């Protein structure tokens, strides 16, 4: 992330629809009876949405929504929707990261978690935003930063174990604009990760 980031297209936030052969077009969505189809008695994570609650929670929800429309909500992990009641959240989070094909790191201007005393949450090794991304890197999960409303972290601002993401391709989304940002993100991920493209086609 930061100085070495390379933009792969751009657009605006909204819904997207897959229409075969990896092509994503804006608008539409899925029939209601399929939009929230679940696996029977199981959660099968494919896409993990990583975000800081005090940063850009709206963007995390939008990312979750568009992927739920394309692969089913049982395949998209968002902590407050996906962790089962009464389960140890740390085990659920790390297991879901490891099982996923892609971690989408939603990064806005408050992503570092700067506190009133100047301390940054991202500098804490126990910070869950940081732990999830590092766990994904360690287990060869594709990590794709999703930069929100012009945010642009730089390599020199990152803890050492997060600096690999400085080299990772990223996507941008913008609040209150059109559908093309999310459509472009889905299209890009489907072309980059075969397992995701197959899941999208299977869900149609």
N, C-alpha and C. Protein backbone atom coordinates (compact mmCIF):
# COMPACT_ATOMS: atom_id res chain seq x y z
N UNK A 1 0.84 -1.17 0.00
CA UNK A 1 0.00 0.00 0.00
C UNK A 1 0.88 1.23 0.00
N UNK A 2 0.38 2.35 -0.51
CA UNK A 2 1.17 3.56 -0.42
C UNK A 2 1.98 3.83 -1.66
N UNK A 3 3.30 4.10 -1.48
CA UNK A 3 4.12 4.59 -2.57
C UNK A 3 4.16 3.66 -3.77
N UNK A 4 4.05 2.36 -3.53
CA UNK A 4 4.20 1.42 -4.63
C UNK A 4 2.88 0.90 -5.17
N UNK A 5 1.75 1.42 -4.67
CA UNK A 5 0.45 0.97 -5.14
C UNK A 5 0.28 1.31 -6.61
N UNK A 6 -0.41 0.43 -7.32
CA UNK A 6 -0.76 0.68 -8.71
C UNK A 6 -2.26 0.56 -8.85
N UNK A 7 -2.91 1.54 -9.44
CA UNK A 7 -4.35 1.51 -9.62
C UNK A 7 -4.71 0.55 -10.73
N UNK A 8 -5.72 -0.30 -10.51
CA UNK A 8 -6.28 -1.13 -11.57
C UNK A 8 -7.72 -0.68 -11.78
N UNK A 9 -7.90 0.33 -12.57
CA UNK A 9 -9.24 0.84 -12.84
C UNK A 9 -9.81 1.62 -11.67
N UNK A 10 -10.97 2.19 -11.89
CA UNK A 10 -11.66 2.91 -10.82
C UNK A 10 -13.12 2.99 -11.18
N UNK A 11 -13.92 3.50 -10.22
CA UNK A 11 -15.35 3.62 -10.49
C UNK A 11 -16.06 4.06 -9.24
N UNK A 12 -17.31 3.65 -9.10
CA UNK A 12 -18.13 4.14 -8.00
C UNK A 12 -18.89 3.02 -7.34
N UNK A 13 -19.36 3.29 -6.12
CA UNK A 13 -19.91 2.23 -5.29
C UNK A 13 -21.37 1.95 -5.63
N UNK A 14 -21.76 0.70 -5.50
CA UNK A 14 -23.14 0.29 -5.75
C UNK A 14 -23.21 -1.20 -5.94
N UNK A 15 -24.30 -1.71 -6.53
CA UNK A 15 -24.44 -3.14 -6.75
C UNK A 15 -23.84 -3.52 -8.11
N UNK A 16 -23.57 -4.81 -8.25
CA UNK A 16 -23.06 -5.31 -9.53
C UNK A 16 -23.69 -6.66 -9.78
N UNK A 17 -23.68 -7.09 -11.03
CA UNK A 17 -24.26 -8.37 -11.36
C UNK A 17 -23.34 -9.13 -12.28
N UNK A 18 -23.16 -10.43 -12.02
CA UNK A 18 -22.31 -11.26 -12.85
C UNK A 18 -23.16 -11.90 -13.92
N UNK A 19 -22.69 -11.86 -15.17
CA UNK A 19 -23.46 -12.44 -16.28
C UNK A 19 -22.59 -13.36 -17.12
N UNK A 20 -21.87 -14.24 -16.43
CA UNK A 20 -21.11 -15.26 -17.13
C UNK A 20 -19.77 -14.79 -17.63
N UNK A 21 -18.85 -15.74 -17.83
CA UNK A 21 -17.53 -15.50 -18.42
C UNK A 21 -16.73 -14.44 -17.69
N UNK A 22 -16.99 -14.28 -16.41
CA UNK A 22 -16.21 -13.36 -15.60
C UNK A 22 -16.55 -11.89 -15.80
N UNK A 23 -17.59 -11.59 -16.58
CA UNK A 23 -17.93 -10.19 -16.82
C UNK A 23 -18.91 -9.70 -15.77
N UNK A 24 -18.66 -8.51 -15.26
CA UNK A 24 -19.51 -7.92 -14.23
C UNK A 24 -20.11 -6.64 -14.78
N UNK A 25 -21.43 -6.48 -14.63
CA UNK A 25 -22.06 -5.25 -15.08
C UNK A 25 -22.80 -4.64 -13.92
N UNK A 26 -22.91 -3.32 -13.93
CA UNK A 26 -23.56 -2.63 -12.83
C UNK A 26 -25.07 -2.80 -12.90
N UNK A 27 -25.69 -2.66 -11.72
CA UNK A 27 -27.13 -2.69 -11.64
C UNK A 27 -27.67 -4.07 -11.32
N UNK A 28 -28.95 -4.14 -11.08
CA UNK A 28 -29.60 -5.43 -10.90
C UNK A 28 -29.34 -6.03 -9.55
N UNK A 29 -28.80 -7.21 -9.50
CA UNK A 29 -28.69 -8.00 -8.30
C UNK A 29 -29.25 -9.37 -8.60
N UNK A 30 -29.48 -10.18 -7.59
CA UNK A 30 -29.97 -11.51 -7.82
C UNK A 30 -31.43 -11.62 -7.41
N UNK A 31 -32.13 -12.63 -7.94
CA UNK A 31 -33.50 -12.84 -7.46
C UNK A 31 -33.50 -13.00 -5.95
N UNK A 32 -34.54 -12.50 -5.31
CA UNK A 32 -34.58 -12.46 -3.85
C UNK A 32 -34.37 -13.83 -3.24
N UNK A 33 -34.91 -14.89 -3.83
CA UNK A 33 -34.81 -16.21 -3.22
C UNK A 33 -33.40 -16.78 -3.28
N UNK A 34 -32.51 -16.18 -4.07
CA UNK A 34 -31.14 -16.67 -4.15
C UNK A 34 -30.16 -15.72 -3.47
N UNK A 35 -30.56 -14.47 -3.26
CA UNK A 35 -29.64 -13.46 -2.77
C UNK A 35 -29.08 -13.82 -1.39
N UNK A 36 -29.87 -14.50 -0.59
CA UNK A 36 -29.42 -14.83 0.76
C UNK A 36 -29.40 -16.34 0.98
N UNK A 37 -29.13 -17.12 -0.10
CA UNK A 37 -29.07 -18.57 0.03
C UNK A 37 -27.93 -18.97 0.95
N UNK A 38 -28.16 -19.92 1.83
CA UNK A 38 -27.15 -20.35 2.79
C UNK A 38 -26.83 -21.82 2.63
N UNK A 39 -25.59 -22.18 2.99
CA UNK A 39 -25.24 -23.58 3.09
C UNK A 39 -25.97 -24.16 4.30
N UNK A 40 -26.38 -25.42 4.20
CA UNK A 40 -27.13 -26.04 5.28
C UNK A 40 -26.19 -26.36 6.43
N UNK A 41 -26.41 -25.69 7.58
CA UNK A 41 -25.67 -26.01 8.79
C UNK A 41 -24.19 -25.69 8.75
N UNK A 42 -23.75 -24.85 7.83
CA UNK A 42 -22.31 -24.58 7.76
C UNK A 42 -22.07 -23.18 7.21
N UNK A 43 -20.86 -22.67 7.50
CA UNK A 43 -20.41 -21.41 6.91
C UNK A 43 -19.16 -21.75 6.13
N UNK A 44 -19.11 -21.33 4.88
CA UNK A 44 -18.04 -21.72 3.97
C UNK A 44 -17.36 -20.47 3.43
N UNK A 45 -16.43 -19.87 4.20
CA UNK A 45 -15.88 -18.57 3.80
C UNK A 45 -15.06 -18.63 2.51
N UNK A 46 -15.30 -17.67 1.66
CA UNK A 46 -14.55 -17.51 0.42
C UNK A 46 -13.94 -16.12 0.37
N UNK A 47 -14.71 -15.11 0.76
CA UNK A 47 -14.30 -13.71 0.80
C UNK A 47 -14.33 -13.25 2.26
N UNK A 48 -13.21 -12.70 2.75
CA UNK A 48 -13.13 -12.18 4.11
C UNK A 48 -13.04 -10.66 4.03
N UNK A 49 -13.98 -9.96 4.68
CA UNK A 49 -13.97 -8.50 4.67
C UNK A 49 -13.31 -8.02 5.96
N UNK A 50 -12.15 -7.41 5.82
CA UNK A 50 -11.36 -6.89 6.93
C UNK A 50 -11.56 -5.37 6.99
N UNK A 51 -11.89 -4.84 8.18
CA UNK A 51 -12.14 -3.40 8.29
C UNK A 51 -12.01 -2.98 9.75
N UNK A 52 -11.90 -1.68 9.97
CA UNK A 52 -11.92 -1.14 11.33
C UNK A 52 -13.28 -0.46 11.53
N UNK A 53 -13.96 -0.84 12.61
CA UNK A 53 -15.31 -0.36 12.82
C UNK A 53 -15.44 1.14 12.91
N UNK A 54 -14.41 1.81 13.42
CA UNK A 54 -14.45 3.26 13.55
C UNK A 54 -13.96 3.97 12.29
N UNK A 55 -13.66 3.20 11.24
CA UNK A 55 -13.13 3.79 10.02
C UNK A 55 -14.24 3.96 8.99
N UNK A 56 -14.43 3.01 8.11
CA UNK A 56 -15.41 3.13 7.02
C UNK A 56 -16.33 1.91 7.05
N UNK A 57 -17.12 1.79 8.11
CA UNK A 57 -17.98 0.61 8.25
C UNK A 57 -18.99 0.53 7.11
N UNK A 58 -19.45 1.68 6.58
CA UNK A 58 -20.40 1.66 5.47
C UNK A 58 -19.79 0.96 4.25
N UNK A 59 -18.50 1.18 4.03
CA UNK A 59 -17.85 0.56 2.88
C UNK A 59 -17.73 -0.95 3.08
N UNK A 60 -17.41 -1.37 4.30
CA UNK A 60 -17.34 -2.80 4.59
C UNK A 60 -18.69 -3.46 4.34
N UNK A 61 -19.76 -2.81 4.76
CA UNK A 61 -21.10 -3.37 4.53
C UNK A 61 -21.43 -3.43 3.04
N UNK A 62 -21.02 -2.41 2.29
CA UNK A 62 -21.27 -2.40 0.85
C UNK A 62 -20.50 -3.52 0.16
N UNK A 63 -19.24 -3.72 0.57
CA UNK A 63 -18.44 -4.80 0.01
C UNK A 63 -19.07 -6.15 0.35
N UNK A 64 -19.49 -6.31 1.60
CA UNK A 64 -20.16 -7.55 1.99
C UNK A 64 -21.41 -7.79 1.13
N UNK A 65 -22.21 -6.75 0.98
CA UNK A 65 -23.47 -6.88 0.25
C UNK A 65 -23.26 -7.34 -1.19
N UNK A 66 -22.32 -6.71 -1.89
CA UNK A 66 -22.15 -7.04 -3.30
C UNK A 66 -21.63 -8.46 -3.46
N UNK A 67 -20.75 -8.90 -2.55
CA UNK A 67 -20.27 -10.28 -2.66
C UNK A 67 -21.33 -11.29 -2.22
N UNK A 68 -22.15 -10.94 -1.23
CA UNK A 68 -23.26 -11.82 -0.86
C UNK A 68 -24.20 -12.01 -2.03
N UNK A 69 -24.39 -10.97 -2.83
CA UNK A 69 -25.25 -11.06 -4.01
C UNK A 69 -24.64 -11.98 -5.08
N UNK A 70 -23.33 -12.14 -5.08
CA UNK A 70 -22.66 -12.91 -6.13
C UNK A 70 -22.30 -14.33 -5.74
N UNK A 71 -22.08 -14.58 -4.45
CA UNK A 71 -21.68 -15.94 -4.05
C UNK A 71 -22.51 -16.48 -2.89
N UNK A 72 -23.40 -15.68 -2.30
CA UNK A 72 -24.18 -16.09 -1.15
C UNK A 72 -23.56 -15.59 0.14
N UNK A 73 -24.42 -15.19 1.09
CA UNK A 73 -23.86 -14.59 2.30
C UNK A 73 -23.14 -15.60 3.17
N UNK A 74 -23.37 -16.89 2.96
CA UNK A 74 -22.64 -17.90 3.73
C UNK A 74 -21.19 -18.03 3.30
N UNK A 75 -20.82 -17.33 2.22
CA UNK A 75 -19.45 -17.41 1.69
C UNK A 75 -18.68 -16.11 1.87
N UNK A 76 -19.31 -15.12 2.51
CA UNK A 76 -18.67 -13.82 2.71
C UNK A 76 -18.61 -13.54 4.21
N UNK A 77 -17.39 -13.42 4.74
CA UNK A 77 -17.22 -13.24 6.18
C UNK A 77 -17.14 -11.77 6.54
N UNK A 78 -18.09 -11.34 7.38
CA UNK A 78 -18.06 -10.00 7.98
C UNK A 78 -18.35 -10.23 9.46
N UNK A 79 -17.45 -9.82 10.32
CA UNK A 79 -17.47 -10.26 11.71
C UNK A 79 -18.84 -10.21 12.38
N UNK A 80 -19.52 -9.06 12.32
CA UNK A 80 -20.76 -8.95 13.08
C UNK A 80 -21.94 -9.67 12.44
N UNK A 81 -21.74 -10.19 11.24
CA UNK A 81 -22.77 -10.99 10.58
C UNK A 81 -22.44 -12.48 10.59
N UNK A 82 -21.18 -12.82 10.74
CA UNK A 82 -20.74 -14.19 10.47
C UNK A 82 -20.31 -14.99 11.69
N UNK A 83 -19.91 -14.32 12.78
CA UNK A 83 -19.47 -15.06 13.96
C UNK A 83 -20.70 -15.61 14.68
N UNK A 84 -20.67 -16.90 14.94
CA UNK A 84 -21.81 -17.57 15.56
C UNK A 84 -21.91 -17.21 17.04
N UNK A 85 -23.12 -17.03 17.53
CA UNK A 85 -23.30 -16.69 18.95
C UNK A 85 -22.66 -17.75 19.86
N UNK A 86 -21.97 -17.28 20.89
CA UNK A 86 -21.37 -18.18 21.85
C UNK A 86 -20.05 -18.80 21.44
N UNK A 87 -19.55 -18.44 20.25
CA UNK A 87 -18.29 -19.00 19.77
C UNK A 87 -17.13 -18.05 20.08
N UNK A 88 -15.93 -18.60 20.36
CA UNK A 88 -14.75 -17.74 20.59
C UNK A 88 -14.43 -16.93 19.33
N UNK A 89 -14.52 -15.62 19.43
CA UNK A 89 -14.38 -14.82 18.21
C UNK A 89 -12.99 -14.92 17.61
N UNK A 90 -11.95 -15.10 18.45
CA UNK A 90 -10.60 -15.15 17.89
C UNK A 90 -10.42 -16.38 17.01
N UNK A 91 -10.92 -17.52 17.44
CA UNK A 91 -10.82 -18.74 16.64
C UNK A 91 -11.64 -18.61 15.36
N UNK A 92 -12.84 -18.03 15.47
CA UNK A 92 -13.69 -17.86 14.30
C UNK A 92 -13.02 -16.96 13.26
N UNK A 93 -12.44 -15.85 13.73
CA UNK A 93 -11.81 -14.91 12.80
C UNK A 93 -10.63 -15.54 12.07
N UNK A 94 -9.71 -16.12 12.81
CA UNK A 94 -8.49 -16.65 12.20
C UNK A 94 -8.79 -17.85 11.32
N UNK A 95 -9.74 -18.69 11.72
CA UNK A 95 -10.11 -19.83 10.88
C UNK A 95 -10.73 -19.37 9.57
N UNK A 96 -11.57 -18.33 9.66
CA UNK A 96 -12.21 -17.81 8.44
C UNK A 96 -11.19 -17.17 7.51
N UNK A 97 -10.22 -16.44 8.06
CA UNK A 97 -9.17 -15.86 7.22
C UNK A 97 -8.43 -16.97 6.48
N UNK A 98 -8.00 -17.98 7.18
CA UNK A 98 -7.20 -19.05 6.59
C UNK A 98 -7.97 -19.81 5.52
N UNK A 99 -9.28 -19.97 5.71
CA UNK A 99 -10.09 -20.74 4.77
C UNK A 99 -10.48 -19.94 3.53
N UNK A 100 -10.35 -18.63 3.59
CA UNK A 100 -10.82 -17.78 2.49
C UNK A 100 -9.84 -17.77 1.32
N UNK A 101 -10.36 -17.46 0.14
CA UNK A 101 -9.52 -17.28 -1.03
C UNK A 101 -8.98 -15.86 -1.11
N UNK A 102 -9.75 -14.90 -0.59
CA UNK A 102 -9.40 -13.48 -0.71
C UNK A 102 -9.74 -12.76 0.60
N UNK A 103 -8.85 -11.90 1.06
CA UNK A 103 -9.15 -10.95 2.12
C UNK A 103 -9.18 -9.56 1.50
N UNK A 104 -10.30 -8.88 1.65
CA UNK A 104 -10.45 -7.51 1.17
C UNK A 104 -10.26 -6.58 2.36
N UNK A 105 -9.17 -5.82 2.36
CA UNK A 105 -8.83 -4.93 3.47
C UNK A 105 -9.39 -3.54 3.17
N UNK A 106 -10.49 -3.18 3.83
CA UNK A 106 -11.14 -1.89 3.60
C UNK A 106 -10.39 -0.83 4.40
N UNK A 107 -9.83 0.16 3.70
CA UNK A 107 -8.93 1.14 4.32
C UNK A 107 -9.41 2.55 4.02
N UNK A 108 -9.81 3.24 5.08
CA UNK A 108 -10.20 4.64 4.96
C UNK A 108 -9.22 5.53 5.70
N UNK A 109 -9.61 6.75 5.92
CA UNK A 109 -8.70 7.73 6.53
C UNK A 109 -8.48 7.48 8.02
N UNK A 110 -9.36 6.71 8.66
CA UNK A 110 -9.20 6.40 10.08
C UNK A 110 -8.68 4.99 10.31
N UNK A 111 -8.14 4.36 9.28
CA UNK A 111 -7.72 2.96 9.36
C UNK A 111 -6.62 2.72 10.39
N UNK A 112 -5.75 3.69 10.58
CA UNK A 112 -4.66 3.51 11.55
C UNK A 112 -5.17 3.48 12.99
N UNK A 113 -6.35 4.00 13.22
CA UNK A 113 -6.91 3.99 14.57
C UNK A 113 -6.16 4.91 15.52
N UNK A 114 -5.91 6.14 15.10
CA UNK A 114 -5.18 7.08 15.95
C UNK A 114 -6.04 7.48 17.15
N UNK A 115 -5.48 7.34 18.35
CA UNK A 115 -6.17 7.63 19.59
C UNK A 115 -5.88 9.08 20.03
N UNK A 116 -6.67 9.61 20.99
CA UNK A 116 -6.45 11.00 21.44
C UNK A 116 -5.04 11.26 21.94
N UNK A 117 -4.38 10.25 22.48
CA UNK A 117 -3.01 10.44 22.98
C UNK A 117 -1.96 10.26 21.89
N UNK A 118 -2.41 10.07 20.64
CA UNK A 118 -1.49 9.92 19.52
C UNK A 118 -1.11 8.49 19.22
N UNK A 119 -1.44 7.56 20.10
CA UNK A 119 -1.14 6.14 19.88
C UNK A 119 -1.98 5.62 18.71
N UNK A 120 -1.38 4.72 17.89
CA UNK A 120 -2.10 4.14 16.76
C UNK A 120 -2.42 2.67 17.05
N UNK A 121 -3.68 2.30 16.87
CA UNK A 121 -4.06 0.91 17.11
C UNK A 121 -3.33 -0.05 16.18
N UNK A 122 -3.06 0.38 14.96
CA UNK A 122 -2.42 -0.50 13.97
C UNK A 122 -1.01 -0.90 14.41
N UNK A 123 -0.39 -0.14 15.32
CA UNK A 123 0.95 -0.45 15.80
C UNK A 123 0.95 -1.54 16.88
N UNK A 124 -0.22 -1.90 17.37
CA UNK A 124 -0.35 -2.93 18.39
C UNK A 124 -0.42 -4.30 17.71
N UNK A 125 0.48 -5.20 18.08
CA UNK A 125 0.49 -6.53 17.46
C UNK A 125 -0.81 -7.30 17.71
N UNK A 126 -1.56 -6.92 18.72
CA UNK A 126 -2.83 -7.58 19.03
C UNK A 126 -4.02 -6.90 18.37
N UNK A 127 -3.80 -5.87 17.59
CA UNK A 127 -4.87 -5.20 16.86
C UNK A 127 -5.45 -6.18 15.85
N UNK A 128 -6.77 -6.36 15.86
CA UNK A 128 -7.37 -7.39 15.01
C UNK A 128 -7.32 -7.04 13.53
N UNK A 129 -7.41 -5.79 13.19
CA UNK A 129 -7.26 -5.43 11.78
C UNK A 129 -5.90 -5.90 11.27
N UNK A 130 -4.88 -5.61 12.04
CA UNK A 130 -3.52 -6.03 11.67
C UNK A 130 -3.37 -7.54 11.69
N UNK A 131 -3.87 -8.19 12.75
CA UNK A 131 -3.71 -9.64 12.88
C UNK A 131 -4.35 -10.40 11.71
N UNK A 132 -5.52 -9.97 11.30
CA UNK A 132 -6.21 -10.65 10.20
C UNK A 132 -5.42 -10.55 8.90
N UNK A 133 -4.90 -9.36 8.60
CA UNK A 133 -4.13 -9.19 7.37
C UNK A 133 -2.85 -10.00 7.42
N UNK A 134 -2.14 -9.95 8.53
CA UNK A 134 -0.89 -10.71 8.66
C UNK A 134 -1.16 -12.20 8.56
N UNK A 135 -2.24 -12.67 9.17
CA UNK A 135 -2.61 -14.09 9.10
C UNK A 135 -2.89 -14.49 7.66
N UNK A 136 -3.55 -13.63 6.91
CA UNK A 136 -3.82 -13.92 5.49
C UNK A 136 -2.52 -14.03 4.70
N UNK A 137 -1.61 -13.09 4.92
CA UNK A 137 -0.32 -13.13 4.22
C UNK A 137 0.43 -14.42 4.54
N UNK A 138 0.44 -14.80 5.81
CA UNK A 138 1.15 -15.99 6.23
C UNK A 138 0.58 -17.27 5.64
N UNK A 139 -0.69 -17.26 5.28
CA UNK A 139 -1.34 -18.45 4.75
C UNK A 139 -1.67 -18.32 3.26
N UNK A 140 -0.97 -17.43 2.58
CA UNK A 140 -1.08 -17.29 1.12
C UNK A 140 -2.50 -17.00 0.65
N UNK A 141 -3.24 -16.27 1.44
CA UNK A 141 -4.55 -15.78 1.02
C UNK A 141 -4.34 -14.49 0.23
N UNK A 142 -5.02 -14.34 -0.89
CA UNK A 142 -4.92 -13.10 -1.66
C UNK A 142 -5.40 -11.93 -0.82
N UNK A 143 -4.59 -10.92 -0.67
CA UNK A 143 -4.96 -9.71 0.06
C UNK A 143 -5.09 -8.56 -0.93
N UNK A 144 -6.27 -7.95 -0.97
CA UNK A 144 -6.52 -6.84 -1.88
C UNK A 144 -6.99 -5.64 -1.07
N UNK A 145 -6.18 -4.59 -0.96
CA UNK A 145 -6.64 -3.38 -0.27
C UNK A 145 -7.78 -2.71 -1.05
N UNK A 146 -8.78 -2.26 -0.32
CA UNK A 146 -9.89 -1.51 -0.90
C UNK A 146 -9.82 -0.10 -0.29
N UNK A 147 -9.34 0.84 -1.06
CA UNK A 147 -9.08 2.20 -0.56
C UNK A 147 -10.33 3.06 -0.72
N UNK A 148 -10.75 3.69 0.37
CA UNK A 148 -12.05 4.37 0.42
C UNK A 148 -11.88 5.89 0.39
N UNK A 149 -12.62 6.52 -0.51
CA UNK A 149 -12.71 7.99 -0.57
C UNK A 149 -11.34 8.67 -0.57
N UNK A 150 -10.45 8.17 -1.40
CA UNK A 150 -9.16 8.82 -1.58
C UNK A 150 -8.10 8.50 -0.56
N UNK A 151 -8.34 7.56 0.34
CA UNK A 151 -7.30 7.20 1.31
C UNK A 151 -6.09 6.61 0.58
N UNK A 152 -4.89 6.86 1.10
CA UNK A 152 -3.67 6.39 0.45
C UNK A 152 -2.56 6.23 1.48
N UNK A 153 -2.59 5.15 2.27
CA UNK A 153 -1.49 4.92 3.22
C UNK A 153 -0.17 4.73 2.47
N UNK A 154 0.92 5.00 3.15
CA UNK A 154 2.24 4.85 2.55
C UNK A 154 3.05 3.79 3.28
N UNK A 155 4.01 3.21 2.59
CA UNK A 155 4.79 2.10 3.14
C UNK A 155 5.47 2.49 4.44
N UNK A 156 6.00 3.70 4.52
CA UNK A 156 6.75 4.10 5.71
C UNK A 156 5.85 4.23 6.93
N UNK A 157 4.53 4.27 6.74
CA UNK A 157 3.60 4.39 7.86
C UNK A 157 3.15 3.04 8.40
N UNK A 158 3.56 1.96 7.75
CA UNK A 158 3.06 0.63 8.11
C UNK A 158 3.99 -0.09 9.07
N UNK A 159 3.45 -0.88 10.01
CA UNK A 159 4.29 -1.79 10.80
C UNK A 159 4.99 -2.76 9.86
N UNK A 160 6.12 -3.29 10.29
CA UNK A 160 6.93 -4.14 9.42
C UNK A 160 6.16 -5.32 8.84
N UNK A 161 5.33 -5.97 9.66
CA UNK A 161 4.66 -7.18 9.16
C UNK A 161 3.50 -6.88 8.22
N UNK A 162 3.14 -5.60 8.07
CA UNK A 162 2.13 -5.21 7.09
C UNK A 162 2.73 -4.65 5.82
N UNK A 163 4.02 -4.43 5.80
CA UNK A 163 4.62 -3.78 4.63
C UNK A 163 4.52 -4.58 3.34
N UNK A 164 4.36 -5.90 3.37
CA UNK A 164 4.15 -6.59 2.09
C UNK A 164 2.96 -6.05 1.30
N UNK A 165 1.95 -5.51 1.97
CA UNK A 165 0.78 -5.06 1.21
C UNK A 165 1.07 -3.78 0.43
N UNK A 166 2.22 -3.18 0.68
CA UNK A 166 2.64 -2.02 -0.12
C UNK A 166 2.77 -2.39 -1.60
N UNK A 167 3.01 -3.67 -1.87
CA UNK A 167 3.21 -4.12 -3.25
C UNK A 167 1.94 -4.70 -3.87
N UNK A 168 0.87 -4.78 -3.09
CA UNK A 168 -0.34 -5.46 -3.57
C UNK A 168 -1.21 -4.53 -4.41
N UNK A 169 -1.77 -5.10 -5.47
CA UNK A 169 -2.73 -4.36 -6.29
C UNK A 169 -3.94 -3.98 -5.44
N UNK A 170 -4.54 -2.84 -5.72
CA UNK A 170 -5.65 -2.38 -4.90
C UNK A 170 -6.81 -1.93 -5.77
N UNK A 171 -7.95 -1.72 -5.12
CA UNK A 171 -9.13 -1.14 -5.75
C UNK A 171 -9.54 0.10 -4.96
N UNK A 172 -10.30 0.98 -5.60
CA UNK A 172 -10.84 2.16 -4.92
C UNK A 172 -12.36 2.13 -4.97
N UNK A 173 -13.00 2.60 -3.88
CA UNK A 173 -14.43 2.84 -3.90
C UNK A 173 -14.68 4.22 -3.28
N UNK A 174 -15.79 4.84 -3.72
CA UNK A 174 -16.11 6.19 -3.25
C UNK A 174 -17.54 6.24 -2.75
N UNK A 175 -17.74 6.96 -1.66
CA UNK A 175 -19.05 7.08 -1.03
C UNK A 175 -20.00 7.87 -1.92
N UNK A 176 -21.21 7.36 -2.04
CA UNK A 176 -22.26 8.12 -2.70
C UNK A 176 -22.14 8.25 -4.19
N UNK A 177 -21.28 7.47 -4.84
CA UNK A 177 -21.17 7.58 -6.30
C UNK A 177 -21.83 6.38 -6.97
N UNK A 178 -21.48 6.10 -8.21
CA UNK A 178 -22.23 5.13 -9.01
C UNK A 178 -21.80 3.70 -8.73
N UNK A 179 -22.31 2.77 -9.54
CA UNK A 179 -22.10 1.34 -9.30
C UNK A 179 -20.74 0.82 -9.75
N UNK A 180 -19.99 1.58 -10.50
CA UNK A 180 -18.85 0.99 -11.21
C UNK A 180 -17.69 0.59 -10.32
N UNK A 181 -17.51 1.20 -9.14
CA UNK A 181 -16.42 0.79 -8.25
C UNK A 181 -16.58 -0.65 -7.78
N UNK A 182 -17.75 -0.98 -7.25
CA UNK A 182 -17.96 -2.33 -6.77
C UNK A 182 -18.00 -3.33 -7.92
N UNK A 183 -18.61 -2.92 -9.04
CA UNK A 183 -18.61 -3.80 -10.20
C UNK A 183 -17.19 -4.10 -10.65
N UNK A 184 -16.34 -3.07 -10.67
CA UNK A 184 -14.95 -3.27 -11.07
C UNK A 184 -14.19 -4.15 -10.09
N UNK A 185 -14.49 -4.00 -8.80
CA UNK A 185 -13.84 -4.84 -7.80
C UNK A 185 -14.20 -6.31 -8.00
N UNK A 186 -15.48 -6.60 -8.20
CA UNK A 186 -15.90 -7.98 -8.41
C UNK A 186 -15.26 -8.55 -9.67
N UNK A 187 -15.28 -7.76 -10.73
CA UNK A 187 -14.69 -8.19 -11.99
C UNK A 187 -13.21 -8.49 -11.83
N UNK A 188 -12.50 -7.58 -11.16
CA UNK A 188 -11.06 -7.76 -10.95
C UNK A 188 -10.75 -9.02 -10.15
N UNK A 189 -11.47 -9.22 -9.05
CA UNK A 189 -11.21 -10.38 -8.20
C UNK A 189 -11.52 -11.67 -8.95
N UNK A 190 -12.60 -11.68 -9.72
CA UNK A 190 -12.94 -12.88 -10.48
C UNK A 190 -11.87 -13.22 -11.51
N UNK A 191 -11.28 -12.22 -12.13
CA UNK A 191 -10.22 -12.47 -13.09
C UNK A 191 -8.91 -12.86 -12.41
N UNK A 192 -8.70 -12.40 -11.19
CA UNK A 192 -7.45 -12.66 -10.49
C UNK A 192 -7.44 -13.98 -9.73
N UNK A 193 -8.61 -14.44 -9.28
CA UNK A 193 -8.68 -15.61 -8.40
C UNK A 193 -9.70 -16.59 -8.97
N UNK A 194 -9.20 -17.68 -9.54
CA UNK A 194 -10.06 -18.64 -10.22
C UNK A 194 -11.12 -19.23 -9.29
N UNK A 195 -10.74 -19.49 -8.05
CA UNK A 195 -11.69 -20.07 -7.09
C UNK A 195 -12.90 -19.17 -6.89
N UNK A 196 -12.69 -17.86 -6.90
CA UNK A 196 -13.80 -16.93 -6.75
C UNK A 196 -14.65 -16.90 -8.01
N UNK A 197 -14.01 -16.87 -9.17
CA UNK A 197 -14.75 -16.86 -10.43
C UNK A 197 -15.65 -18.09 -10.54
N UNK A 198 -15.15 -19.24 -10.14
CA UNK A 198 -15.94 -20.46 -10.19
C UNK A 198 -17.13 -20.38 -9.24
N UNK A 199 -16.91 -19.80 -8.07
CA UNK A 199 -18.01 -19.68 -7.10
C UNK A 199 -19.10 -18.74 -7.61
N UNK A 200 -18.69 -17.66 -8.28
CA UNK A 200 -19.66 -16.73 -8.84
C UNK A 200 -20.49 -17.42 -9.92
N UNK A 201 -19.82 -18.15 -10.80
CA UNK A 201 -20.54 -18.87 -11.87
C UNK A 201 -21.48 -19.93 -11.28
N UNK A 202 -21.03 -20.63 -10.26
CA UNK A 202 -21.86 -21.67 -9.65
C UNK A 202 -23.11 -21.10 -8.99
N UNK A 203 -23.01 -19.85 -8.51
CA UNK A 203 -24.11 -19.22 -7.77
C UNK A 203 -25.16 -18.61 -8.69
N UNK A 204 -24.84 -18.43 -9.94
CA UNK A 204 -25.77 -17.78 -10.86
C UNK A 204 -27.06 -18.57 -10.98
